[in-house]
Amino acid sequence: MSSFEIKGGQSLKGEINPQGAKNEALQILCAVLLTEEEVTIHNIPDILDVNKLIELLNSLGVSSRKIAPGSYVFKADQVKLDFMETDAFRKQAASLRGSVMILGPLLARFGKGSIPKPGGDMIGRRRLDTHFIGLQKLGANFDFDSDRHFTRVTAPKLKGTYMLLDEASVTGTANVLMAAVLAEGKTTIFNAACEPYLVQLSKMLVRMGAIIEGMGSNLLHITGVSSLKGTEHTMLPDMIEIGSFIGLAAMTQSDITIKNVHYESLGVIPDVFRRLGIQIDLIGDDLHIPAQEHYEVERFLDGSIMTISDAPWPGFTPDLISVALVTAIQARGSILIHQKMFESRLFFVDKLIDMGAQIILCDPHRATVIGLDRATRLRGIRMSSPDIRAGVSLLIAALSAKGTSIIDNIDQIDRGYQDIDGRLNSIGAQIVRI
């Protein structure tokens, strides 16, 4: 396991380019299984989770050819279905939560698929019911081996139907959507997730020949087609990384310009950070965050304490709750952070309290942050990254702290952030990978 050694207290200055969107990449890469023709994808982030998925696709017989940094050509014309019965498949697929999204494409094109219990962040219960129930409604049959935690799925022919998803799951919607585009007849998905990632996936599928109506809404109508063709696709910049850089700039009193952010796809993210008092200037398609000595949390119109909570799109993404919490540590004023979706995501705050933050963990879902307003600085400590988003939040705290911090288990950060130490060091950070 690698660690980061961080010398805190450095103000950063310069431009930084966000990576391609991790959460989009996991969907888009699975979609290459829907056609035997070549699919070219650009702006693929070079991160652990995405690289693991590419390796899994390669093991399934999907060829990949790197044509430029972040650009690959994929061709799924020799898919090896027998590989799904091997221990190697179980090991590879179980190490990555996004592997569940190979099910929809495999069912749609080949009538069968398998998946072990997937891994990923330990941030609370993350059920797969939405995936499985949606595919069952299209005609899939599930055979669950409880001893091996392995599920085999078959469907001689998927047939379109109406379904109301039990939750607006992003990956669940993507999985069902990818299955429905090759199903016989018309499928209606109500309560569909409508994040920009789903819009991107839908646009890609339409270019491949799919018929999808309602893109960007929670009501999708899909008319099945017999086959799909190849296409070319460019992924959005990662909105979670953009939000992380905004919080980093505020906490470290840095002057940072985030380049080419695709602003219209960021939704409420900039506004939520503005409520924390952070100045964010839109210049063209770049975000400029100037160095601020102080930033003050807004109050609601009736004078009550500000609450930041996560919600399905177009609400505030749960992946940035940890960053918002850390950013509030040095604000002027108090704020309630309400993480509704995952019951273990706020447990990293004990490390922030050890660093000197004033945080009350009310329960597994809520924490009150009493801003320090830079009256005191956080102090460096040794800590461990529990998940991707908490890991980068601890990195932000360490970069703002007095003294040296060490973050262990940084594989968790590498799962979601491409060369984060190299890119931040290029604008003035002092991070050593040990």
Protein backbone atom coordinates (compact mmCIF):
# COMPACT_ATOMS: atom_id res chain seq x y z
CA MET A 1 0.00 0.00 0.00
CA SER A 2 1.26 3.46 -0.90
CA SER A 3 0.93 6.61 1.20
CA PHE A 4 1.03 10.36 0.66
CA GLU A 5 3.31 12.56 2.75
CA ILE A 6 1.93 16.10 2.59
CA LYS A 7 3.59 19.29 3.74
CA GLY A 8 0.67 21.56 4.51
CA GLY A 9 0.26 25.31 4.48
CA GLN A 10 1.24 25.93 0.85
CA SER A 11 -0.87 28.28 -1.26
CA LEU A 12 -1.31 26.95 -4.77
CA LYS A 13 -1.48 29.00 -7.94
CA GLY A 14 -2.05 28.09 -11.56
CA GLU A 15 -4.26 26.24 -14.00
CA ILE A 16 -5.45 22.68 -13.69
CA ASN A 17 -7.32 20.50 -16.17
CA PRO A 18 -10.00 18.15 -14.84
CA GLN A 19 -9.83 14.51 -15.87
CA GLY A 20 -12.57 12.72 -17.77
CA ALA A 21 -15.61 11.80 -15.69
CA LYS A 22 -15.07 8.57 -13.74
CA ASN A 23 -18.76 7.81 -13.28
CA GLU A 24 -19.45 8.35 -16.96
CA ALA A 25 -16.49 6.22 -18.00
CA LEU A 26 -17.76 3.13 -16.18
CA GLN A 27 -21.05 3.26 -18.13
CA ILE A 28 -19.59 4.18 -21.50
CA LEU A 29 -16.98 1.42 -21.39
CA CYS A 30 -19.61 -1.22 -20.66
CA ALA A 31 -21.63 0.00 -23.65
CA VAL A 32 -18.91 -1.15 -26.08
CA LEU A 33 -20.24 -4.69 -25.47
CA LEU A 34 -23.43 -3.78 -27.36
CA THR A 35 -21.83 -3.87 -30.82
CA GLU A 36 -19.26 -5.88 -32.74
CA GLU A 37 -18.08 -2.72 -34.52
CA GLU A 38 -15.31 -0.39 -33.35
CA VAL A 39 -16.09 2.21 -30.68
CA THR A 40 -13.64 5.09 -30.14
CA ILE A 41 -13.72 6.82 -26.76
CA HIS A 42 -11.83 9.98 -25.80
CA ASN A 43 -11.00 11.63 -22.46
CA ILE A 44 -10.87 8.35 -20.53
CA PRO A 45 -9.40 9.01 -17.07
CA ASP A 46 -6.27 7.03 -16.20
CA ILE A 47 -7.49 5.87 -12.78
CA LEU A 48 -7.57 2.54 -10.99
CA ASP A 49 -11.30 1.77 -11.31
CA VAL A 50 -11.41 2.58 -15.02
CA ASN A 51 -8.22 0.63 -15.76
CA LYS A 52 -9.63 -2.38 -13.90
CA LEU A 53 -12.78 -2.24 -16.05
CA ILE A 54 -10.74 -2.07 -19.26
CA GLU A 55 -8.74 -5.10 -18.06
CA LEU A 56 -11.99 -6.97 -17.36
CA LEU A 57 -13.30 -6.15 -20.86
CA ASN A 58 -10.01 -7.32 -22.35
CA SER A 59 -10.31 -10.61 -20.44
CA LEU A 60 -13.84 -11.01 -21.85
CA GLY A 61 -12.38 -10.77 -25.36
CA VAL A 62 -12.88 -7.07 -26.08
CA SER A 63 -9.84 -5.72 -27.91
CA SER A 64 -8.56 -2.25 -27.01
CA ARG A 65 -6.01 -0.06 -28.75
CA LYS A 66 -4.64 3.15 -27.27
CA ILE A 67 -4.44 5.80 -30.00
CA ALA A 68 -3.57 8.84 -27.82
CA PRO A 69 -3.44 9.75 -24.13
CA GLY A 70 -6.95 9.07 -22.83
CA SER A 71 -8.20 7.78 -26.22
CA TYR A 72 -8.89 4.12 -27.04
CA VAL A 73 -10.52 2.10 -29.79
CA PHE A 74 -12.56 -0.88 -28.52
CA LYS A 75 -13.98 -3.79 -30.50
CA ALA A 76 -16.20 -6.46 -28.95
CA ASP A 77 -16.38 -8.85 -31.91
CA GLN A 78 -14.90 -11.87 -30.10
CA VAL A 79 -16.53 -11.87 -26.67
CA LYS A 80 -15.67 -14.99 -24.66
CA LEU A 81 -18.79 -15.85 -22.68
CA ASP A 82 -17.13 -18.92 -21.13
CA PHE A 83 -14.72 -16.63 -19.29
CA MET A 84 -17.58 -15.65 -16.97
CA GLU A 85 -17.46 -19.15 -15.43
CA THR A 86 -13.83 -18.84 -14.38
CA ASP A 87 -12.31 -17.91 -11.03
CA ALA A 88 -10.32 -15.21 -12.82
CA PHE A 89 -13.56 -13.50 -13.88
CA ARG A 90 -14.99 -13.68 -10.38
CA LYS A 91 -11.85 -12.14 -8.93
CA GLN A 92 -11.65 -9.34 -11.52
CA ALA A 93 -15.34 -8.44 -11.47
CA ALA A 94 -15.60 -8.58 -7.68
CA SER A 95 -12.87 -5.96 -7.28
CA LEU A 96 -14.91 -3.28 -9.06
CA ARG A 97 -18.46 -2.15 -8.32
CA GLY A 98 -18.93 -0.78 -11.84
CA SER A 99 -18.59 -4.31 -13.25
CA VAL A 100 -22.31 -4.84 -12.58
CA MET A 101 -23.02 -2.71 -15.66
CA ILE A 102 -21.72 -5.39 -18.02
CA LEU A 103 -24.92 -7.35 -17.27
CA GLY A 104 -27.33 -5.24 -19.33
CA PRO A 105 -25.20 -5.20 -22.51
CA LEU A 106 -24.34 -8.92 -22.25
CA LEU A 107 -27.99 -9.88 -21.75
CA ALA A 108 -29.15 -7.68 -24.61
CA ARG A 109 -26.62 -8.97 -27.13
CA PHE A 110 -25.88 -12.55 -26.02
CA GLY A 111 -28.81 -13.54 -23.79
CA LYS A 112 -26.65 -14.37 -20.78
CA GLY A 113 -24.37 -12.78 -18.23
CA SER A 114 -22.87 -13.35 -14.80
CA ILE A 115 -21.67 -11.18 -11.95
CA PRO A 116 -20.12 -11.81 -8.54
CA LYS A 117 -20.91 -9.61 -5.58
CA PRO A 118 -19.10 -6.41 -6.61
CA GLY A 119 -16.66 -4.45 -4.47
CA GLY A 120 -16.10 -0.69 -4.24
CA ASP A 121 -16.31 1.90 -1.49
CA MET A 122 -17.36 0.87 2.01
CA ILE A 123 -19.70 3.83 2.43
CA GLY A 124 -22.81 1.96 3.50
CA ARG A 125 -25.35 -0.39 1.99
CA ARG A 126 -25.45 -0.12 -1.80
CA ARG A 127 -28.05 -2.56 -2.99
CA LEU A 128 -28.38 -3.82 -6.56
CA ASP A 129 -32.14 -4.37 -6.50
CA THR A 130 -32.79 -1.62 -9.06
CA HIS A 131 -30.48 -3.33 -11.56
CA PHE A 132 -31.91 -6.79 -11.03
CA ILE A 133 -35.61 -5.88 -10.86
CA GLY A 134 -35.33 -3.74 -13.99
CA LEU A 135 -33.64 -6.52 -15.95
CA GLN A 136 -36.18 -9.05 -14.65
CA LYS A 137 -39.01 -6.88 -15.97
CA LEU A 138 -37.37 -7.05 -19.40
CA GLY A 139 -37.48 -10.86 -19.16
CA ALA A 140 -34.20 -11.84 -17.48
CA ASN A 141 -34.02 -14.88 -15.18
CA PHE A 142 -31.69 -14.74 -12.18
CA ASP A 143 -29.98 -17.71 -10.53
CA PHE A 144 -28.18 -16.66 -7.35
CA ASP A 145 -25.55 -18.94 -5.83
CA SER A 146 -25.54 -17.82 -2.18
CA ASP A 147 -22.51 -19.92 -1.25
CA ARG A 148 -20.29 -18.30 -3.88
CA HIS A 149 -22.06 -14.90 -3.95
CA PHE A 150 -22.38 -15.33 -7.71
CA THR A 151 -25.34 -14.52 -9.96
CA ARG A 152 -26.03 -16.03 -13.38
CA VAL A 153 -28.55 -14.25 -15.58
CA THR A 154 -30.22 -15.55 -18.75
CA ALA A 155 -32.75 -14.10 -21.17
CA PRO A 156 -33.54 -15.88 -24.45
CA LYS A 157 -35.10 -12.65 -25.68
CA LEU A 158 -35.57 -9.39 -23.80
CA LYS A 159 -38.95 -7.75 -24.34
CA GLY A 160 -39.83 -4.11 -23.78
CA THR A 161 -42.15 -3.17 -20.96
CA TYR A 162 -43.17 -0.35 -18.60
CA MET A 163 -41.26 -0.06 -15.35
CA LEU A 164 -41.17 2.30 -12.41
CA LEU A 165 -37.70 2.12 -10.85
CA ASP A 166 -37.78 1.81 -7.07
CA GLU A 167 -35.00 4.40 -6.83
CA ALA A 168 -33.37 6.81 -9.30
CA SER A 169 -30.14 4.81 -9.38
CA VAL A 170 -27.59 6.12 -11.90
CA THR A 171 -25.91 2.78 -12.54
CA GLY A 172 -29.24 0.93 -12.33
CA THR A 173 -30.77 3.21 -14.95
CA ALA A 174 -27.70 2.80 -17.17
CA ASN A 175 -27.81 -0.99 -16.92
CA VAL A 176 -31.51 -1.23 -17.77
CA LEU A 177 -31.18 1.36 -20.56
CA MET A 178 -28.35 -0.57 -22.21
CA ALA A 179 -30.44 -3.75 -22.08
CA ALA A 180 -33.58 -2.05 -23.40
CA VAL A 181 -32.01 -0.63 -26.56
CA LEU A 182 -31.79 -4.16 -28.02
CA ALA A 183 -35.01 -5.50 -26.46
CA GLU A 184 -38.00 -6.35 -28.62
CA GLY A 185 -40.64 -3.61 -28.61
CA LYS A 186 -40.93 -0.46 -26.51
CA THR A 187 -39.62 0.09 -22.99
CA THR A 188 -40.70 2.94 -20.72
CA ILE A 189 -38.52 3.73 -17.69
CA PHE A 190 -40.09 6.06 -15.12
CA ASN A 191 -38.11 7.48 -12.17
CA ALA A 192 -34.98 7.13 -14.27
CA ALA A 193 -31.83 8.89 -13.09
CA CYS A 194 -31.15 11.93 -15.24
CA GLU A 195 -27.54 12.86 -14.39
CA PRO A 196 -25.39 14.23 -17.23
CA TYR A 197 -23.69 10.80 -17.33
CA LEU A 198 -26.99 9.24 -18.43
CA VAL A 199 -27.48 11.95 -21.05
CA GLN A 200 -24.00 11.22 -22.37
CA LEU A 201 -24.69 7.49 -22.47
CA SER A 202 -28.03 8.06 -24.22
CA LYS A 203 -26.45 10.31 -26.85
CA MET A 204 -23.77 7.71 -27.50
CA LEU A 205 -26.38 4.93 -27.87
CA VAL A 206 -28.43 7.06 -30.27
CA ARG A 207 -25.33 7.60 -32.43
CA MET A 208 -24.96 3.81 -32.42
CA GLY A 209 -28.50 3.45 -33.77
CA ALA A 210 -30.64 3.25 -30.63
CA ILE A 211 -34.00 5.01 -30.40
CA ILE A 212 -34.35 6.88 -27.10
CA GLU A 213 -36.78 9.68 -26.20
CA GLY A 214 -36.76 11.80 -23.05
CA MET A 215 -33.00 12.17 -22.60
CA GLY A 216 -32.23 14.33 -19.57
CA SER A 217 -35.59 13.61 -17.93
CA ASN A 218 -36.79 10.94 -15.50
CA LEU A 219 -39.09 9.41 -18.12
CA LEU A 220 -37.34 7.48 -20.89
CA HIS A 221 -38.96 5.79 -23.88
CA ILE A 222 -36.80 3.25 -25.71
CA THR A 223 -37.78 1.49 -28.91
CA GLY A 224 -35.65 -1.61 -29.34
CA VAL A 225 -33.56 -2.18 -32.46
CA SER A 226 -32.02 -5.38 -33.79
CA SER A 227 -28.37 -4.27 -33.66
CA LEU A 228 -26.11 -1.31 -32.98
CA LYS A 229 -23.14 0.06 -34.89
CA GLY A 230 -19.85 1.63 -33.84
CA THR A 231 -19.39 5.28 -32.88
CA GLU A 232 -17.04 7.87 -31.41
CA HIS A 233 -17.58 9.47 -28.01
CA THR A 234 -15.87 12.10 -25.85
CA MET A 235 -16.50 12.07 -22.12
CA LEU A 236 -17.32 15.10 -19.98
CA PRO A 237 -14.83 16.55 -17.48
CA ASP A 238 -15.28 15.04 -14.03
CA MET A 239 -17.70 17.23 -12.05
CA ILE A 240 -16.60 15.61 -8.77
CA GLU A 241 -12.99 16.53 -9.41
CA ILE A 242 -14.02 20.08 -10.35
CA GLY A 243 -15.89 20.41 -7.05
CA SER A 244 -12.88 18.99 -5.21
CA PHE A 245 -10.61 21.64 -6.73
CA ILE A 246 -13.04 24.41 -5.71
CA GLY A 247 -12.92 23.21 -2.10
CA LEU A 248 -9.14 22.83 -2.24
CA ALA A 249 -8.69 26.41 -3.45
CA ALA A 250 -10.83 27.80 -0.63
CA MET A 251 -9.21 25.75 2.14
CA THR A 252 -5.63 26.55 1.06
CA GLN A 253 -6.22 30.23 0.12
CA SER A 254 -5.12 29.42 -3.41
CA ASP A 255 -5.68 31.10 -6.76
CA ILE A 256 -6.70 28.31 -9.12
CA THR A 257 -8.24 28.25 -12.58
CA ILE A 258 -10.03 25.03 -13.51
CA LYS A 259 -9.98 24.73 -17.29
CA ASN A 260 -12.74 23.62 -19.67
CA VAL A 261 -15.30 22.57 -17.07
CA HIS A 262 -18.34 22.20 -19.39
CA TYR A 263 -20.20 24.55 -17.05
CA GLU A 264 -23.75 23.70 -18.12
CA SER A 265 -23.19 20.10 -16.94
CA LEU A 266 -22.16 21.11 -13.40
CA GLY A 267 -25.72 21.77 -12.25
CA VAL A 268 -25.94 23.22 -8.74
CA ILE A 269 -22.34 22.37 -7.77
CA PRO A 270 -20.91 25.91 -8.19
CA ASP A 271 -23.91 27.42 -6.38
CA VAL A 272 -23.52 25.10 -3.38
CA PHE A 273 -19.90 26.16 -2.95
CA ARG A 274 -20.93 29.80 -3.39
CA ARG A 275 -23.30 29.29 -0.42
CA LEU A 276 -20.20 28.47 1.60
CA GLY A 277 -18.95 31.94 0.68
CA ILE A 278 -16.49 30.91 -1.99
CA GLN A 279 -16.01 33.30 -4.90
CA ILE A 280 -16.25 31.47 -8.21
CA ASP A 281 -15.89 33.37 -11.47
CA LEU A 282 -16.91 31.87 -14.82
CA ILE A 283 -14.51 33.00 -17.55
CA GLY A 284 -15.47 31.45 -20.85
CA ASP A 285 -15.74 27.77 -19.90
CA ASP A 286 -13.15 28.06 -17.11
CA LEU A 287 -13.76 28.49 -13.39
CA HIS A 288 -11.47 30.92 -11.57
CA ILE A 289 -11.34 30.65 -7.77
CA PRO A 290 -9.31 33.58 -6.39
CA ALA A 291 -7.44 33.37 -3.09
CA GLN A 292 -9.73 34.39 -0.23
CA GLU A 293 -8.64 35.24 3.28
CA HIS A 294 -12.14 34.54 4.59
CA TYR A 295 -15.34 32.99 3.26
CA GLU A 296 -18.64 33.11 5.10
CA VAL A 297 -21.46 30.58 5.06
CA GLU A 298 -24.82 31.98 4.00
CA ARG A 299 -27.93 31.59 6.14
CA PHE A 300 -31.39 30.75 4.91
CA LEU A 301 -33.72 33.70 4.34
CA ASP A 302 -35.38 33.19 7.72
CA GLY A 303 -31.99 33.35 9.44
CA SER A 304 -31.73 29.63 10.20
CA ILE A 305 -28.52 27.62 9.81
CA MET A 306 -27.59 26.58 6.28
CA THR A 307 -28.01 22.88 5.42
CA ILE A 308 -26.24 21.14 2.56
CA SER A 309 -27.73 17.78 1.64
CA ASP A 310 -27.37 15.36 -1.23
CA ALA A 311 -30.17 14.44 -3.63
CA PRO A 312 -30.66 12.78 -7.03
CA TRP A 313 -29.87 15.03 -9.99
CA PRO A 314 -30.49 17.93 -10.34
CA GLY A 315 -29.79 18.00 -6.61
CA PHE A 316 -26.30 18.12 -5.08
CA THR A 317 -24.33 14.96 -5.82
CA PRO A 318 -23.55 12.75 -2.80
CA ASP A 319 -19.99 12.33 -4.10
CA LEU A 320 -19.21 15.93 -3.08
CA ILE A 321 -20.72 15.88 0.41
CA SER A 322 -17.35 14.95 1.95
CA VAL A 323 -15.61 17.81 0.11
CA ALA A 324 -18.28 20.33 1.16
CA LEU A 325 -17.88 19.22 4.77
CA VAL A 326 -14.11 19.68 4.72
CA THR A 327 -14.38 23.05 2.99
CA ALA A 328 -16.74 24.30 5.73
CA ILE A 329 -14.06 23.71 8.40
CA GLN A 330 -12.35 27.06 7.72
CA ALA A 331 -15.48 29.01 6.83
CA ARG A 332 -17.00 31.74 8.99
CA GLY A 333 -20.26 30.41 10.42
CA SER A 334 -21.83 27.01 10.98
CA ILE A 335 -23.49 24.52 8.67
CA LEU A 336 -25.33 21.21 8.84
CA ILE A 337 -24.13 18.55 6.39
CA HIS A 338 -26.81 15.92 5.70
CA GLN A 339 -25.67 12.82 3.81
CA LYS A 340 -28.93 11.02 3.09
CA MET A 341 -27.88 8.17 0.84
CA PHE A 342 -25.05 6.30 2.59
CA GLU A 343 -24.86 5.64 6.30
CA SER A 344 -21.07 5.28 6.56
CA ARG A 345 -19.84 8.16 4.44
CA LEU A 346 -19.38 10.64 7.29
CA PHE A 347 -17.37 8.36 9.58
CA PHE A 348 -14.10 9.89 8.36
CA VAL A 349 -14.82 13.06 10.38
CA ASP A 350 -13.04 11.58 13.43
CA LYS A 351 -9.78 12.17 11.57
CA LEU A 352 -10.73 15.79 10.90
CA ILE A 353 -11.57 16.25 14.58
CA ASP A 354 -8.11 14.88 15.45
CA MET A 355 -6.69 17.58 13.14
CA GLY A 356 -8.51 20.28 15.12
CA ALA A 357 -11.78 20.69 13.22
CA GLN A 358 -14.92 21.59 15.17
CA ILE A 359 -17.40 18.99 13.97
CA ILE A 360 -20.28 17.32 15.80
CA LEU A 361 -21.24 13.98 14.26
CA CYS A 362 -24.95 13.98 15.08
CA ASP A 363 -25.66 10.50 13.67
CA PRO A 364 -24.45 8.39 10.71
CA HIS A 365 -26.10 10.80 8.27
CA ARG A 366 -25.60 14.28 9.76
CA ALA A 367 -22.70 16.40 10.95
CA THR A 368 -22.61 19.99 12.16
CA VAL A 369 -19.48 21.96 11.25
CA ILE A 370 -18.58 25.04 13.30
CA GLY A 371 -16.28 27.03 11.04
CA LEU A 372 -12.87 28.04 12.41
CA ASP A 373 -12.66 31.15 10.18
CA ARG A 374 -8.86 30.59 10.08
CA ALA A 375 -8.57 31.56 13.77
CA THR A 376 -6.68 28.29 14.13
CA ARG A 377 -5.18 26.00 11.51
CA LEU A 378 -5.63 22.28 11.29
CA ARG A 379 -2.61 20.23 12.40
CA GLY A 380 -0.97 17.46 10.42
CA ILE A 381 -1.56 13.86 11.55
CA ARG A 382 -1.30 10.33 10.18
CA MET A 383 -4.57 8.92 8.84
CA SER A 384 -5.96 6.39 6.37
CA SER A 385 -8.24 6.92 3.38
CA PRO A 386 -11.50 4.96 3.84
CA ASP A 387 -12.98 5.64 0.38
CA ILE A 388 -12.37 7.71 -2.75
CA ARG A 389 -14.20 10.91 -1.77
CA ALA A 390 -13.23 10.89 1.91
CA GLY A 391 -9.65 10.27 0.77
CA VAL A 392 -9.46 13.38 -1.38
CA SER A 393 -11.22 15.36 1.38
CA LEU A 394 -8.52 14.30 3.84
CA LEU A 395 -5.93 15.34 1.25
CA ILE A 396 -7.53 18.80 1.07
CA ALA A 397 -7.47 19.05 4.86
CA ALA A 398 -3.81 17.97 4.96
CA LEU A 399 -2.81 20.54 2.31
CA SER A 400 -4.36 23.27 4.47
CA ALA A 401 -2.91 22.03 7.76
CA LYS A 402 0.12 23.12 9.72
CA GLY A 403 2.94 20.61 9.57
CA THR A 404 3.22 17.27 7.83
CA SER A 405 0.44 14.72 7.33
CA ILE A 406 0.60 11.16 6.08
CA ILE A 407 -2.38 9.54 4.36
CA ASP A 408 -2.23 5.75 4.08
CA ASN A 409 -4.29 3.49 1.78
CA ILE A 410 -4.13 6.00 -1.07
CA ASP A 411 -5.15 3.30 -3.55
CA GLN A 412 -8.62 4.51 -2.61
CA ILE A 413 -7.76 7.99 -3.91
CA ASP A 414 -6.10 6.57 -7.03
CA ARG A 415 -9.35 4.76 -7.82
CA GLY A 416 -10.98 8.08 -8.65
CA TYR A 417 -8.32 10.76 -9.18
CA GLN A 418 -5.75 10.66 -11.97
CA ASP A 419 -2.16 11.54 -10.94
CA ILE A 420 -3.59 13.81 -8.25
CA ASP A 421 -0.22 14.32 -6.55
CA GLY A 422 1.58 15.18 -9.79
CA ARG A 423 -1.05 17.63 -10.95
CA LEU A 424 -1.30 19.42 -7.61
CA ASN A 425 2.48 19.52 -7.19
CA SER A 426 2.68 21.28 -10.56
CA ILE A 427 0.77 24.25 -9.08
CA GLY A 428 2.63 24.43 -5.78
CA ALA A 429 1.58 21.55 -3.54
CA GLN A 430 4.18 19.48 -1.72
CA ILE A 431 2.97 15.87 -1.87
CA VAL A 432 5.35 12.90 -1.89
CA ARG A 433 4.17 9.40 -2.75
CA ILE A 434 5.85 6.91 -0.39
